[in-house]
Protein backbone atom coordinates (compact mmCIF):
# COMPACT_ATOMS: atom_id res chain seq x y z
CA MET A 1 -26.96 -33.06 6.17
CA ALA A 2 -25.38 -30.32 3.44
CA GLN A 3 -25.05 -26.83 4.72
CA LYS A 4 -27.74 -24.57 3.12
CA ILE A 5 -26.51 -21.74 4.13
CA GLN A 6 -23.85 -20.83 1.67
CA PRO A 7 -21.85 -17.40 0.77
CA GLN A 8 -22.23 -15.45 -2.35
CA PRO A 9 -19.69 -16.84 -5.07
CA GLY A 10 -16.34 -15.78 -5.04
CA ILE A 11 -16.07 -15.44 -1.30
CA MET A 12 -14.65 -19.09 -0.92
CA ASP A 13 -12.38 -18.13 -3.43
CA ILE A 14 -10.27 -15.43 -1.38
CA GLU A 15 -7.14 -16.48 -0.07
CA LEU A 16 -6.91 -15.04 3.40
CA TYR A 17 -4.69 -11.25 3.69
CA VAL A 18 -1.40 -12.67 5.82
CA GLY A 19 -0.05 -9.25 7.89
CA GLY A 20 4.39 -8.71 7.84
CA LYS A 21 5.24 -11.33 10.55
CA GLY A 22 6.42 -9.92 13.86
CA HIS A 23 8.26 -11.91 15.86
CA VAL A 24 10.59 -15.12 15.77
CA ASP A 25 10.21 -17.62 17.86
CA GLY A 26 13.68 -18.05 20.10
CA VAL A 27 14.85 -14.99 18.90
CA SER A 28 15.47 -11.49 20.83
CA ASN A 29 16.28 -8.21 20.12
CA THR A 30 14.05 -8.48 16.24
CA VAL A 31 13.93 -5.67 14.34
CA LYS A 32 9.93 -5.75 11.85
CA LEU A 33 10.76 -4.78 8.56
CA SER A 34 8.06 -7.27 6.99
CA SER A 35 5.21 -4.61 6.97
CA ASN A 36 6.62 -1.29 5.37
CA GLU A 37 5.85 -0.09 9.00
CA ASN A 38 7.06 3.82 9.53
CA PRO A 39 10.28 3.09 11.81
CA TYR A 40 9.93 6.37 13.81
CA GLY A 41 6.68 5.91 15.03
CA ALA A 42 3.80 7.95 14.26
CA CYS A 43 4.70 12.58 15.31
CA GLU A 44 4.36 13.73 19.30
CA LYS A 45 0.81 15.83 18.09
CA ALA A 46 -0.51 12.75 16.36
CA LYS A 47 0.26 11.12 20.00
CA GLN A 48 -1.42 13.86 21.93
CA ALA A 49 -4.38 14.15 19.74
CA PHE A 50 -5.17 10.59 20.21
CA ARG A 51 -4.40 10.51 24.01
CA ALA A 52 -6.77 13.53 24.63
CA VAL A 53 -9.68 11.60 23.58
CA ALA A 54 -9.44 8.91 26.32
CA GLY A 55 -11.91 11.08 28.34
CA ASN A 56 -14.40 11.08 26.24
CA MET A 57 -14.72 7.19 24.93
CA HIS A 58 -17.76 6.91 25.55
CA ILE A 59 -19.30 9.70 22.95
CA TYR A 60 -19.73 8.73 19.64
CA PRO A 61 -16.79 9.92 17.25
CA SER A 62 -17.80 12.06 14.41
CA SER A 63 -20.01 10.82 11.19
CA ASP A 64 -19.07 12.93 8.40
CA HIS A 65 -15.65 13.54 9.29
CA ALA A 66 -15.27 16.81 8.60
CA GLU A 67 -12.27 17.99 10.40
CA LEU A 68 -9.92 15.57 9.53
CA ARG A 69 -11.06 16.15 5.42
CA HIS A 70 -11.21 19.73 5.84
CA ALA A 71 -7.52 19.44 7.12
CA ILE A 72 -6.08 16.90 4.24
CA ALA A 73 -7.96 19.32 2.01
CA GLN A 74 -5.81 21.68 3.38
CA VAL A 75 -2.65 20.14 2.94
CA ASN A 76 -3.08 19.07 -0.25
CA GLY A 77 -4.84 21.44 -2.34
CA LEU A 78 -8.10 19.83 -2.36
CA ASP A 79 -11.80 19.59 -2.30
CA GLY A 80 -12.94 18.91 0.87
CA ASP A 81 -17.20 17.54 0.29
CA ARG A 82 -14.80 15.32 -2.48
CA ILE A 83 -13.02 13.54 0.14
CA ILE A 84 -14.47 10.08 1.96
CA CYS A 85 -12.00 8.31 4.94
CA GLY A 86 -12.06 4.72 5.67
CA ASN A 87 -11.21 2.34 8.02
CA GLY A 88 -7.54 2.47 6.10
CA SER A 89 -7.48 3.01 2.61
CA ASP A 90 -8.78 -0.58 1.84
CA GLU A 91 -12.03 -0.11 3.17
CA VAL A 92 -12.16 2.18 0.94
CA LEU A 93 -10.96 0.03 -2.22
CA SER A 94 -14.13 -2.11 -0.63
CA PHE A 95 -16.56 0.87 -1.25
CA LEU A 96 -15.46 0.63 -4.88
CA THR A 97 -15.94 -2.66 -5.44
CA GLN A 98 -18.95 -3.00 -3.97
CA ALA A 99 -20.49 0.09 -6.14
CA TYR A 100 -18.56 -0.44 -9.35
CA ALA A 101 -18.35 -4.23 -9.74
CA GLY A 102 -20.03 -7.16 -9.37
CA VAL A 103 -20.80 -10.82 -11.14
CA GLY A 104 -20.36 -10.47 -14.74
CA ASP A 105 -17.68 -7.64 -14.61
CA GLU A 106 -14.52 -7.50 -13.97
CA VAL A 107 -11.61 -6.00 -12.07
CA LEU A 108 -7.94 -5.64 -13.63
CA PHE A 109 -4.42 -4.92 -11.88
CA THR A 110 -0.74 -5.71 -12.59
CA ASP A 111 0.31 -9.50 -12.14
CA HIS A 112 2.38 -8.17 -8.68
CA GLY A 113 -0.44 -5.71 -7.39
CA PHE A 114 -1.13 -5.23 -3.71
CA SER A 115 -3.44 -8.42 -2.62
CA MET A 116 -5.94 -6.77 -1.93
CA TYR A 117 -6.97 -5.95 -5.65
CA ARG A 118 -7.79 -9.49 -5.78
CA ILE A 119 -10.04 -9.92 -2.82
CA CYS A 120 -11.61 -6.93 -3.13
CA ALA A 121 -12.62 -8.60 -7.14
CA LEU A 122 -13.63 -11.49 -5.48
CA GLY A 123 -15.51 -10.06 -2.72
CA ALA A 124 -17.76 -8.42 -4.63
CA GLY A 125 -18.63 -11.66 -7.00
CA ALA A 126 -16.04 -10.05 -9.82
CA THR A 127 -13.63 -11.68 -11.81
CA PRO A 128 -10.04 -10.68 -10.71
CA VAL A 129 -7.89 -9.87 -14.22
CA GLU A 130 -3.84 -9.66 -13.63
CA ALA A 131 -1.93 -7.74 -16.50
CA PRO A 132 1.73 -8.76 -16.70
CA GLU A 133 4.12 -5.57 -15.63
CA LYS A 134 7.47 -5.98 -17.64
CA GLU A 135 10.78 -6.39 -15.62
CA ARG A 136 8.86 -5.64 -12.00
CA CYS A 137 7.35 -2.27 -13.27
CA THR A 138 3.34 -1.48 -14.77
CA ASP A 139 2.77 -2.22 -18.53
CA VAL A 140 0.10 0.62 -19.24
CA ASP A 141 0.09 -1.82 -22.49
CA ALA A 142 0.40 -4.97 -21.16
CA LEU A 143 -3.34 -3.20 -19.02
CA LEU A 144 -5.06 -1.98 -22.01
CA ALA A 145 -4.73 -4.70 -23.74
CA ALA A 146 -6.45 -6.35 -20.76
CA VAL A 147 -9.41 -4.44 -20.94
CA THR A 148 -13.15 -5.61 -22.16
CA GLU A 149 -16.20 -4.40 -21.95
CA ARG A 150 -16.86 -6.06 -18.82
CA THR A 151 -13.87 -4.32 -17.76
CA LYS A 152 -15.45 -1.69 -14.64
CA LEU A 153 -12.02 -1.02 -12.31
CA VAL A 154 -8.26 -0.88 -12.49
CA PHE A 155 -5.96 -0.35 -9.33
CA LEU A 156 -2.90 0.98 -9.60
CA ALA A 157 -0.88 1.61 -7.01
CA ASN A 158 1.74 4.40 -8.20
CA PRO A 159 4.45 3.47 -6.52
CA ASN A 160 4.11 0.04 -6.29
CA ASN A 161 3.57 -2.38 -4.16
CA PRO A 162 5.69 -5.01 -3.59
CA THR A 163 8.37 -3.36 -6.37
CA GLY A 164 8.99 -0.17 -5.60
CA THR A 165 8.66 0.35 -8.98
CA MET A 166 6.74 4.21 -10.30
CA ILE A 167 5.81 5.13 -14.03
CA SER A 168 5.26 8.61 -14.91
CA GLU A 169 1.85 10.90 -14.73
CA ALA A 170 1.94 10.34 -18.45
CA GLU A 171 1.37 6.76 -18.79
CA ILE A 172 -1.25 6.81 -16.20
CA GLU A 173 -2.96 9.46 -18.55
CA ARG A 174 -2.07 7.54 -21.25
CA LEU A 175 -4.16 4.34 -19.17
CA ALA A 176 -6.69 7.14 -18.04
CA ASP A 177 -7.23 7.97 -22.20
CA GLY A 178 -8.02 4.80 -23.03
CA LEU A 179 -10.16 2.94 -20.76
CA PRO A 180 -14.22 2.03 -22.49
CA ALA A 181 -16.70 4.31 -20.65
CA GLY A 182 -17.66 3.20 -17.05
CA ALA A 183 -14.52 1.94 -16.26
CA LEU A 184 -12.71 3.43 -13.36
CA LEU A 185 -9.59 4.14 -12.52
CA VAL A 186 -8.41 3.89 -8.82
CA LEU A 187 -4.84 4.70 -8.21
CA ASP A 188 -3.89 3.83 -5.22
CA GLY A 189 -0.98 5.92 -3.44
CA ALA A 190 -0.56 4.56 0.12
CA TYR A 191 3.35 5.26 -0.66
CA ALA A 192 2.69 8.59 -2.84
CA GLU A 193 4.38 10.18 0.66
CA PHE A 194 7.68 9.19 0.14
CA VAL A 195 7.93 10.70 -3.48
CA GLU A 196 9.01 14.36 -3.41
CA GLY A 197 6.62 17.15 -4.76
CA PHE A 198 4.20 14.56 -5.65
CA ASP A 199 0.48 14.93 -5.60
CA GLY A 200 -0.37 11.03 -5.56
CA HIS A 201 -2.20 12.53 -9.42
CA ALA A 202 -4.74 14.77 -7.12
CA GLY A 203 -4.65 16.77 -11.04
CA LEU A 204 -5.59 13.65 -13.06
CA VAL A 205 -8.85 12.95 -10.56
CA ASP A 206 -9.53 16.57 -10.87
CA SER A 207 -9.19 16.89 -15.03
CA ARG A 208 -11.35 13.85 -15.58
CA ASP A 209 -14.44 11.91 -14.44
CA ASN A 210 -12.89 8.22 -14.81
CA VAL A 211 -9.76 8.58 -12.82
CA PHE A 212 -10.14 7.74 -8.35
CA MET A 213 -7.48 8.62 -5.75
CA THR A 214 -7.05 6.47 -2.76
CA ARG A 215 -3.89 7.30 0.15
CA THR A 216 -3.38 6.32 3.79
CA PHE A 217 -2.37 7.30 7.28
CA SER A 218 -0.27 3.73 8.02
CA LYS A 219 2.60 4.45 5.64
CA ILE A 220 4.75 7.26 6.27
CA TYR A 221 2.41 8.97 9.27
CA GLY A 222 2.87 5.94 11.12
CA LEU A 223 -0.76 5.53 12.25
CA GLY A 224 -1.03 1.92 10.66
CA GLY A 225 -2.23 0.76 14.41
CA LEU A 226 -5.33 3.13 14.31
CA ARG A 227 -6.72 1.63 10.13
CA ILE A 228 -7.60 4.95 8.61
CA GLY A 229 -6.93 6.37 5.13
CA TRP A 230 -9.37 8.38 2.28
CA GLY A 231 -10.44 8.43 -1.12
CA TYR A 232 -10.45 11.38 -3.51
CA GLY A 233 -12.47 12.02 -6.96
CA PRO A 234 -15.31 13.21 -8.64
CA ALA A 235 -18.49 14.38 -6.56
CA GLY A 236 -20.48 11.42 -7.70
CA ILE A 237 -18.40 8.64 -7.10
CA VAL A 238 -17.89 10.13 -3.19
CA ASP A 239 -21.70 10.18 -2.85
CA THR A 240 -21.90 6.79 -4.31
CA LEU A 241 -19.55 5.37 -1.66
CA HIS A 242 -20.59 7.51 1.08
CA ARG A 243 -23.83 5.78 0.87
CA LEU A 244 -22.27 2.30 1.91
CA ARG A 245 -19.44 3.88 4.55
CA GLY A 246 -21.18 3.29 8.21
CA PRO A 247 -21.75 6.09 9.63
CA PHE A 248 -19.36 5.51 12.92
CA ASN A 249 -16.21 3.45 9.94
CA ILE A 250 -13.82 5.15 12.11
CA ASN A 251 -12.76 6.20 15.93
CA ALA A 252 -12.82 9.05 17.38
CA GLY A 253 -9.47 8.73 18.52
CA ALA A 254 -7.91 8.08 14.77
CA LEU A 255 -9.31 10.25 13.66
CA ALA A 256 -8.28 12.81 15.55
CA ALA A 257 -4.59 11.42 15.62
CA ALA A 258 -4.81 11.65 11.89
CA GLU A 259 -5.93 15.15 11.71
CA ALA A 260 -2.82 16.52 13.86
CA ALA A 261 -0.89 14.00 11.96
CA VAL A 262 -1.90 15.45 8.19
CA LEU A 263 -1.04 19.19 10.08
CA ASP A 264 2.56 18.26 10.79
CA GLN A 265 4.00 18.47 7.59
CA ALA A 266 7.40 19.28 8.92
CA TYR A 267 7.05 16.23 10.45
CA VAL A 268 6.24 14.00 7.50
CA GLU A 269 9.49 15.75 5.36
CA LYS A 270 11.74 14.81 8.33
CA CYS A 271 10.17 11.29 6.99
CA ARG A 272 10.57 11.67 3.69
CA VAL A 273 14.02 12.53 3.48
CA GLU A 274 15.24 9.75 6.28
CA ASN A 275 14.07 7.36 4.39
CA ALA A 276 14.98 8.59 0.26
CA LYS A 277 19.04 8.26 2.94
CA TRP A 278 18.77 4.97 3.78
CA ARG A 279 16.93 3.85 1.51
CA ASP A 280 19.22 4.91 -1.93
CA TRP A 281 22.11 3.54 0.99
CA LEU A 282 20.80 -0.28 1.28
CA ILE A 283 20.00 -0.52 -2.54
CA ALA A 284 23.79 0.34 -2.91
CA ALA A 285 24.61 -1.92 -0.15
CA LEU A 286 22.76 -4.54 -1.79
CA ALA A 287 24.31 -4.31 -4.74
CA GLU A 288 27.28 -4.60 -3.60
CA ALA A 289 27.28 -7.74 -2.28
CA GLY A 290 25.13 -8.91 -5.68
CA ILE A 291 21.87 -8.26 -4.61
CA PRO A 292 19.66 -6.37 -7.03
CA ALA A 293 17.25 -4.56 -6.42
CA ASP A 294 15.33 -2.22 -8.25
CA ALA A 295 15.54 1.56 -8.01
CA SER A 296 11.82 1.90 -5.35
CA HIS A 297 9.77 5.24 -4.55
CA ALA A 298 8.87 3.33 -2.01
CA ASN A 299 9.78 3.07 1.97
CA PHE A 300 10.79 -0.09 0.76
CA VAL A 301 13.17 -2.47 -1.64
CA LEU A 302 12.63 -5.80 -3.09
CA ALA A 303 16.01 -7.54 -3.00
CA ARG A 304 16.58 -10.19 -6.10
CA PHE A 305 17.95 -13.09 -5.51
CA ASP A 306 19.38 -15.90 -7.86
CA SER A 307 16.96 -18.98 -6.95
CA GLU A 308 13.13 -19.13 -4.76
CA VAL A 309 15.93 -21.35 -2.57
CA GLU A 310 18.39 -18.73 -1.95
CA ALA A 311 16.06 -16.49 -1.48
CA GLU A 312 13.94 -18.64 0.98
CA ALA A 313 17.87 -19.41 2.37
CA ALA A 314 18.77 -15.05 3.15
CA ASP A 315 14.98 -14.70 4.99
CA GLU A 316 15.80 -17.24 7.28
CA ARG A 317 19.53 -16.20 8.42
CA LEU A 318 17.84 -12.74 8.33
CA LYS A 319 15.59 -13.94 11.08
CA GLN A 320 17.73 -16.02 12.97
CA ASN A 321 19.99 -12.02 13.33
CA GLY A 322 16.48 -10.57 14.48
CA LEU A 323 15.68 -9.09 11.43
CA ILE A 324 12.29 -9.52 10.11
CA VAL A 325 11.29 -9.12 6.05
CA ARG A 326 8.94 -10.28 3.70
CA LEU A 327 8.98 -13.17 1.26
CA VAL A 328 6.76 -12.43 -1.79
CA LYS A 329 6.20 -15.37 -3.59
CA GLY A 330 2.75 -14.92 -3.30
CA TYR A 331 2.95 -12.33 -5.49
CA LYS A 332 4.75 -14.13 -7.79
CA LEU A 333 7.88 -12.97 -7.63
CA PRO A 334 9.53 -15.89 -5.68
CA LYS A 335 13.50 -15.10 -5.86
CA CYS A 336 13.17 -11.63 -4.06
CA LEU A 337 12.32 -10.70 -0.56
CA ARG A 338 10.70 -6.95 0.11
CA ILE A 339 12.83 -5.04 2.91
CA THR A 340 11.52 -2.54 4.86
CA ILE A 341 13.65 0.93 5.09
CA GLY A 342 14.37 0.86 8.75
CA LYS A 343 16.14 3.21 10.91
CA GLY A 344 20.11 3.90 9.87
CA ALA A 345 21.33 0.80 12.66
CA ASP A 346 18.51 -1.14 10.80
CA CYS A 347 19.49 -0.96 7.36
CA LYS A 348 23.46 -1.40 8.72
CA ARG A 349 22.17 -5.13 10.34
CA VAL A 350 20.24 -6.11 7.02
CA ALA A 351 23.26 -5.49 5.24
CA ALA A 352 25.94 -6.78 6.86
CA VAL A 353 23.75 -10.00 7.56
CA LEU A 354 23.01 -10.24 3.27
CA LYS A 355 27.09 -9.69 2.57
CA GLN A 356 28.18 -12.44 4.87
CA PHE A 357 25.14 -14.28 3.64
CA LYS A 358 26.37 -13.81 -0.25
CA GLU A 359 29.69 -14.79 0.86
CA GLU A 360 29.08 -18.01 1.91
CA GLN A 361 26.58 -18.94 -0.91
CA GLY A 362 29.63 -18.15 -2.68
CA ASN A 363 32.41 -20.37 -1.08
CA SER A 364 30.32 -23.11 -1.13
CA GLU A 365 29.93 -23.10 -4.70
CA GLN A 366 33.32 -23.23 -5.35
């Protein structure tokens, strides 16, 4: 008998999201460098705040997230009434797609863009559309050329994942100005805090009615395990998203930890400085070994190899040495490995293993 209960169009076209691996069978003392997590973890104040709510697990969390929104606004110079919090910034992206795209509409992003953009589009019944990047960098002209009257959302991460590249605010502004009425530009700022003095384009959100910004606590704040993020945009859009948000979509522990984390900007600065130091060191070390990588503005580097076979062999060699990185052929970058910036000792281990690997590759070709 044929199955009569069917999902909405587009849902069965979604390829399941696969997170970065965290272990290697038969290998001990592994270091996970596959998910762009903060190697130093969360700040002590966030840990203390999380522990402090343990005695009240029977009480529902805040439904308006007022205290967290106020803290975010205070630190970032924003209007707290125009902030919405989600179970990770992914949830905010899902709200946006549910609210503004559907069957017959198009959701636009770059061909190396974060995989959740496609998932969100298909989940809403909309058509995902990819625009080519230029040398692993966002090409505004290509995005504008891909816009049609059916375009409702344009998702763009800046800095981008998995490339780590970044375009200027002037280019973002040109993109926003070139969109048709009724299309919303969503700027994914998951890695914004790794760029010194960068506001994630909040100024553009304030000066326009067609720009929305998302941010996360999963990266520099080290709260990936608690799943919490936020968005900032025009008041009418935020009001619309709140109508989709579940009243208790964020647990009390995550709310408390995120509030403490965002107020501890000294810790954020320390993590930003350490990340930049070892990111630049690793890029230079890889270049010396004959492995190019674009200048990165995030907490990872995209190492490029001569072929897909070589990239996979390098990945296997790293795993054999307890170093877990990320193959990114699912992002149409089959010759590349995305390597999260770990602690200094982790970066040195990666560089040493890949240097030896390249030397052996060279010897075998002679």
